Amino acid sequence: MGRRGRRREDRERRSDKGRNREMERFKVMRARENKAYTVLMKAGTAAGNLR
């Protein structure tokens, strides 16, 4: 799922060079969101295991 989405984003970035900078910023923001989400998931599973 993630791989396919990234490939599509790469194609969009290649076809639309004007938005390159915007796409980079969006990708960084998305990466930060993903990292925070994984941390939350780990914390959630840990809490679930404690319960």
PDB file of N, CA and C in Angstrom:
ATOM      1  N   MET A   1       0.840  -1.199   0.000  1.00  0.00           N
ATOM      2  CA  MET A   1       0.000   0.000   0.000  1.00  0.00           C
ATOM      3  C   MET A   1       0.882   1.259   0.000  1.00  0.00           C
ATOM      4  N   GLY A   2       1.787   1.341   0.966  1.00  0.00           N
ATOM      5  CA  GLY A   2       2.640   2.519   1.053  1.00  0.00           C
ATOM      6  C   GLY A   2       3.539   2.671  -0.163  1.00  0.00           C
ATOM      7  N   ARG A   3       4.048   1.527  -0.649  1.00  0.00           N
ATOM      8  CA  ARG A   3       4.952   1.587  -1.792  1.00  0.00           C
ATOM      9  C   ARG A   3       4.217   2.125  -3.013  1.00  0.00           C
ATOM     10  N   ARG A   4       3.009   1.610  -3.246  1.00  0.00           N
ATOM     11  CA  ARG A   4       2.259   2.026  -4.416  1.00  0.00           C
ATOM     12  C   ARG A   4       1.982   3.534  -4.350  1.00  0.00           C
ATOM     13  N   GLY A   5       1.584   4.013  -3.158  1.00  0.00           N
ATOM     14  CA  GLY A   5       1.279   5.433  -3.011  1.00  0.00           C
ATOM     15  C   GLY A   5       2.502   6.293  -3.295  1.00  0.00           C
ATOM     16  N   ARG A   6       3.657   5.846  -2.796  1.00  0.00           N
ATOM     17  CA  ARG A   6       4.865   6.638  -3.014  1.00  0.00           C
ATOM     18  C   ARG A   6       5.198   6.704  -4.498  1.00  0.00           C
ATOM     19  N   ARG A   7       5.025   5.563  -5.211  1.00  0.00           N
ATOM     20  CA  ARG A   7       5.345   5.552  -6.634  1.00  0.00           C
ATOM     21  C   ARG A   7       4.447   6.551  -7.363  1.00  0.00           C
ATOM     22  N   ARG A   8       3.161   6.607  -6.989  1.00  0.00           N
ATOM     23  CA  ARG A   8       2.234   7.528  -7.630  1.00  0.00           C
ATOM     24  C   ARG A   8       2.673   8.970  -7.363  1.00  0.00           C
ATOM     25  N   GLU A   9       3.108   9.249  -6.126  1.00  0.00           N
ATOM     26  CA  GLU A   9       3.559  10.603  -5.806  1.00  0.00           C
ATOM     27  C   GLU A   9       4.768  10.969  -6.655  1.00  0.00           C
ATOM     28  N   ASP A  10       5.697  10.012  -6.841  1.00  0.00           N
ATOM     29  CA  ASP A  10       6.873  10.291  -7.655  1.00  0.00           C
ATOM     30  C   ASP A  10       6.448  10.655  -9.073  1.00  0.00           C
ATOM     31  N   ARG A  11       5.477   9.909  -9.622  1.00  0.00           N
ATOM     32  CA  ARG A  11       5.033  10.190 -10.987  1.00  0.00           C
ATOM     33  C   ARG A  11       4.423  11.593 -11.049  1.00  0.00           C
ATOM     34  N   GLU A  12       3.621  11.950 -10.033  1.00  0.00           N
ATOM     35  CA  GLU A  12       3.003  13.276 -10.021  1.00  0.00           C
ATOM     36  C   GLU A  12       4.076  14.356  -9.963  1.00  0.00           C
ATOM     37  N   ARG A  13       5.089  14.150  -9.119  1.00  0.00           N
ATOM     38  CA  ARG A  13       6.140  15.153  -8.973  1.00  0.00           C
ATOM     39  C   ARG A  13       6.880  15.321 -10.290  1.00  0.00           C
ATOM     40  N   ARG A  14       7.138  14.193 -11.001  1.00  0.00           N
ATOM     41  CA  ARG A  14       7.872  14.263 -12.255  1.00  0.00           C
ATOM     42  C   ARG A  14       7.053  15.016 -13.307  1.00  0.00           C
ATOM     43  N   SER A  15       5.737  14.771 -13.325  1.00  0.00           N
ATOM     44  CA  SER A  15       4.912  15.385 -14.363  1.00  0.00           C
ATOM     45  C   SER A  15       4.670  16.860 -14.068  1.00  0.00           C
ATOM     46  N   ASP A  16       4.729  17.256 -12.807  1.00  0.00           N
ATOM     47  CA  ASP A  16       4.435  18.646 -12.446  1.00  0.00           C
ATOM     48  C   ASP A  16       5.614  19.239 -11.682  1.00  0.00           C
ATOM     49  N   LYS A  17       6.585  19.786 -12.440  1.00  0.00           N
ATOM     50  CA  LYS A  17       7.801  20.282 -11.772  1.00  0.00           C
ATOM     51  C   LYS A  17       7.536  21.588 -11.027  1.00  0.00           C
ATOM     52  N   GLY A  18       6.494  22.310 -11.401  1.00  0.00           N
ATOM     53  CA  GLY A  18       6.214  23.581 -10.733  1.00  0.00           C
ATOM     54  C   GLY A  18       5.890  23.365  -9.263  1.00  0.00           C
ATOM     55  N   ARG A  19       5.276  22.246  -8.944  1.00  0.00           N
ATOM     56  CA  ARG A  19       4.879  21.988  -7.557  1.00  0.00           C
ATOM     57  C   ARG A  19       5.954  21.225  -6.793  1.00  0.00           C
ATOM     58  N   ASN A  20       7.151  21.113  -7.376  1.00  0.00           N
ATOM     59  CA  ASN A  20       8.196  20.276  -6.774  1.00  0.00           C
ATOM     60  C   ASN A  20       8.446  20.658  -5.323  1.00  0.00           C
ATOM     61  N   ARG A  21       8.675  21.956  -5.088  1.00  0.00           N
ATOM     62  CA  ARG A  21       8.987  22.404  -3.729  1.00  0.00           C
ATOM     63  C   ARG A  21       7.820  22.089  -2.793  1.00  0.00           C
ATOM     64  N   GLU A  22       6.611  22.356  -3.274  1.00  0.00           N
ATOM     65  CA  GLU A  22       5.427  22.096  -2.441  1.00  0.00           C
ATOM     66  C   GLU A  22       5.325  20.610  -2.112  1.00  0.00           C
ATOM     67  N   MET A  23       5.591  19.761  -3.104  1.00  0.00           N
ATOM     68  CA  MET A  23       5.499  18.316  -2.875  1.00  0.00           C
ATOM     69  C   MET A  23       6.545  17.889  -1.850  1.00  0.00           C
ATOM     70  N   GLU A  24       7.745  18.452  -1.934  1.00  0.00           N
ATOM     71  CA  GLU A  24       8.796  18.086  -0.976  1.00  0.00           C
ATOM     72  C   GLU A  24       8.342  18.426   0.438  1.00  0.00           C
ATOM     73  N   ARG A  25       7.793  19.627   0.615  1.00  0.00           N
ATOM     74  CA  ARG A  25       7.339  20.041   1.936  1.00  0.00           C
ATOM     75  C   ARG A  25       6.233  19.102   2.412  1.00  0.00           C
ATOM     76  N   PHE A  26       5.320  18.759   1.496  1.00  0.00           N
ATOM     77  CA  PHE A  26       4.216  17.862   1.842  1.00  0.00           C
ATOM     78  C   PHE A  26       4.754  16.496   2.257  1.00  0.00           C
ATOM     79  N   LYS A  27       5.781  16.020   1.507  1.00  0.00           N
ATOM     80  CA  LYS A  27       6.341  14.697   1.820  1.00  0.00           C
ATOM     81  C   LYS A  27       6.978  14.706   3.211  1.00  0.00           C
ATOM     82  N   VAL A  28       7.704  15.786   3.534  1.00  0.00           N
ATOM     83  CA  VAL A  28       8.346  15.876   4.852  1.00  0.00           C
ATOM     84  C   VAL A  28       7.276  15.872   5.938  1.00  0.00           C
ATOM     85  N   MET A  29       6.215  16.658   5.720  1.00  0.00           N
ATOM     86  CA  MET A  29       5.131  16.732   6.698  1.00  0.00           C
ATOM     87  C   MET A  29       4.513  15.348   6.883  1.00  0.00           C
ATOM     88  N   ARG A  30       4.278  14.661   5.770  1.00  0.00           N
ATOM     89  CA  ARG A  30       3.652  13.344   5.821  1.00  0.00           C
ATOM     90  C   ARG A  30       4.569  12.363   6.559  1.00  0.00           C
ATOM     91  N   ALA A  31       5.890  12.444   6.296  1.00  0.00           N
ATOM     92  CA  ALA A  31       6.830  11.540   6.968  1.00  0.00           C
ATOM     93  C   ALA A  31       6.774  11.771   8.472  1.00  0.00           C
ATOM     94  N   ARG A  32       6.718  13.041   8.877  1.00  0.00           N
ATOM     95  CA  ARG A  32       6.645  13.340  10.318  1.00  0.00           C
ATOM     96  C   ARG A  32       5.372  12.751  10.889  1.00  0.00           C
ATOM     97  N   GLU A  33       4.254  12.907  10.153  1.00  0.00           N
ATOM     98  CA  GLU A  33       2.981  12.362  10.629  1.00  0.00           C
ATOM     99  C   GLU A  33       3.088  10.847  10.786  1.00  0.00           C
ATOM    100  N   ASN A  34       3.685  10.188   9.791  1.00  0.00           N
ATOM    101  CA  ASN A  34       3.811   8.728   9.841  1.00  0.00           C
ATOM    102  C   ASN A  34       4.637   8.307  11.051  1.00  0.00           C
ATOM    103  N   LYS A  35       5.728   9.033  11.314  1.00  0.00           N
ATOM    104  CA  LYS A  35       6.589   8.683  12.438  1.00  0.00           C
ATOM    105  C   LYS A  35       5.805   8.803  13.739  1.00  0.00           C
ATOM    106  N   ALA A  36       5.085   9.928  13.878  1.00  0.00           N
ATOM    107  CA  ALA A  36       4.292  10.139  15.099  1.00  0.00           C
ATOM    108  C   ALA A  36       3.244   9.036  15.219  1.00  0.00           C
ATOM    109  N   TYR A  37       2.653   8.664  14.088  1.00  0.00           N
ATOM    110  CA  TYR A  37       1.614   7.623  14.109  1.00  0.00           C
ATOM    111  C   TYR A  37       2.191   6.290  14.555  1.00  0.00           C
ATOM    112  N   THR A  38       3.365   5.941  14.054  1.00  0.00           N
ATOM    113  CA  THR A  38       3.974   4.662  14.440  1.00  0.00           C
ATOM    114  C   THR A  38       4.298   4.688  15.929  1.00  0.00           C
ATOM    115  N   VAL A  39       4.788   5.829  16.423  1.00  0.00           N
ATOM    116  CA  VAL A  39       5.112   5.936  17.853  1.00  0.00           C
ATOM    117  C   VAL A  39       3.834   5.742  18.659  1.00  0.00           C
ATOM    118  N   LEU A  40       2.754   6.383  18.212  1.00  0.00           N
ATOM    119  CA  LEU A  40       1.475   6.247  18.931  1.00  0.00           C
ATOM    120  C   LEU A  40       1.019   4.792  18.912  1.00  0.00           C
ATOM    121  N   MET A  41       1.168   4.142  17.760  1.00  0.00           N
ATOM    122  CA  MET A  41       0.738   2.747  17.657  1.00  0.00           C
ATOM    123  C   MET A  41       1.545   1.883  18.630  1.00  0.00           C
ATOM    124  N   LYS A  42       2.854   2.113  18.674  1.00  0.00           N
ATOM    125  CA  LYS A  42       3.696   1.326  19.585  1.00  0.00           C
ATOM    126  C   LYS A  42       3.260   1.558  21.025  1.00  0.00           C
ATOM    127  N   ALA A  43       3.021   2.819  21.375  1.00  0.00           N
ATOM    128  CA  ALA A  43       2.584   3.142  22.741  1.00  0.00           C
ATOM    129  C   ALA A  43       1.239   2.474  23.012  1.00  0.00           C
ATOM    130  N   GLY A  44       0.345   2.513  22.018  1.00  0.00           N
ATOM    131  CA  GLY A  44      -0.979   1.901  22.185  1.00  0.00           C
ATOM    132  C   GLY A  44      -0.865   0.401  22.407  1.00  0.00           C
ATOM    133  N   THR A  45      -0.032  -0.262  21.620  1.00  0.00           N
ATOM    134  CA  THR A  45       0.112  -1.716  21.769  1.00  0.00           C
ATOM    135  C   THR A  45       0.728  -2.030  23.121  1.00  0.00           C
ATOM    136  N   ALA A  46       1.697  -1.187  23.557  1.00  0.00           N
ATOM    137  CA  ALA A  46       2.335  -1.422  24.857  1.00  0.00           C
ATOM    138  C   ALA A  46       1.289  -1.293  25.965  1.00  0.00           C
ATOM    139  N   ALA A  47       0.446  -0.259  25.873  1.00  0.00           N
ATOM    140  CA  ALA A  47      -0.595  -0.060  26.885  1.00  0.00           C
ATOM    141  C   ALA A  47      -1.555  -1.246  26.861  1.00  0.00           C
ATOM    142  N   GLY A  48      -1.880  -1.709  25.648  1.00  0.00           N
ATOM    143  CA  GLY A  48      -2.789  -2.854  25.527  1.00  0.00           C
ATOM    144  C   GLY A  48      -2.171  -4.093  26.161  1.00  0.00           C
ATOM    145  N   ASN A  49      -0.870  -4.269  25.967  1.00  0.00           N
ATOM    146  CA  ASN A  49      -0.203  -5.435  26.547  1.00  0.00           C
ATOM    147  C   ASN A  49      -0.187  -5.353  28.070  1.00  0.00           C
ATOM    148  N   LEU A  50      -0.008  -4.131  28.591  1.00  0.00           N
ATOM    149  CA  LEU A  50       0.002  -3.962  30.053  1.00  0.00           C
ATOM    150  C   LEU A  50      -1.372  -4.331  30.613  1.00  0.00           C
ATOM    151  N   ARG A  51      -2.413  -3.937  29.872  1.00  0.00           N
ATOM    152  CA  ARG A  51      -3.765  -4.284  30.295  1.00  0.00           C
ATOM    153  C   ARG A  51      -3.946  -5.791  30.129  1.00  0.00           C
TER     154      ARG A  51
END
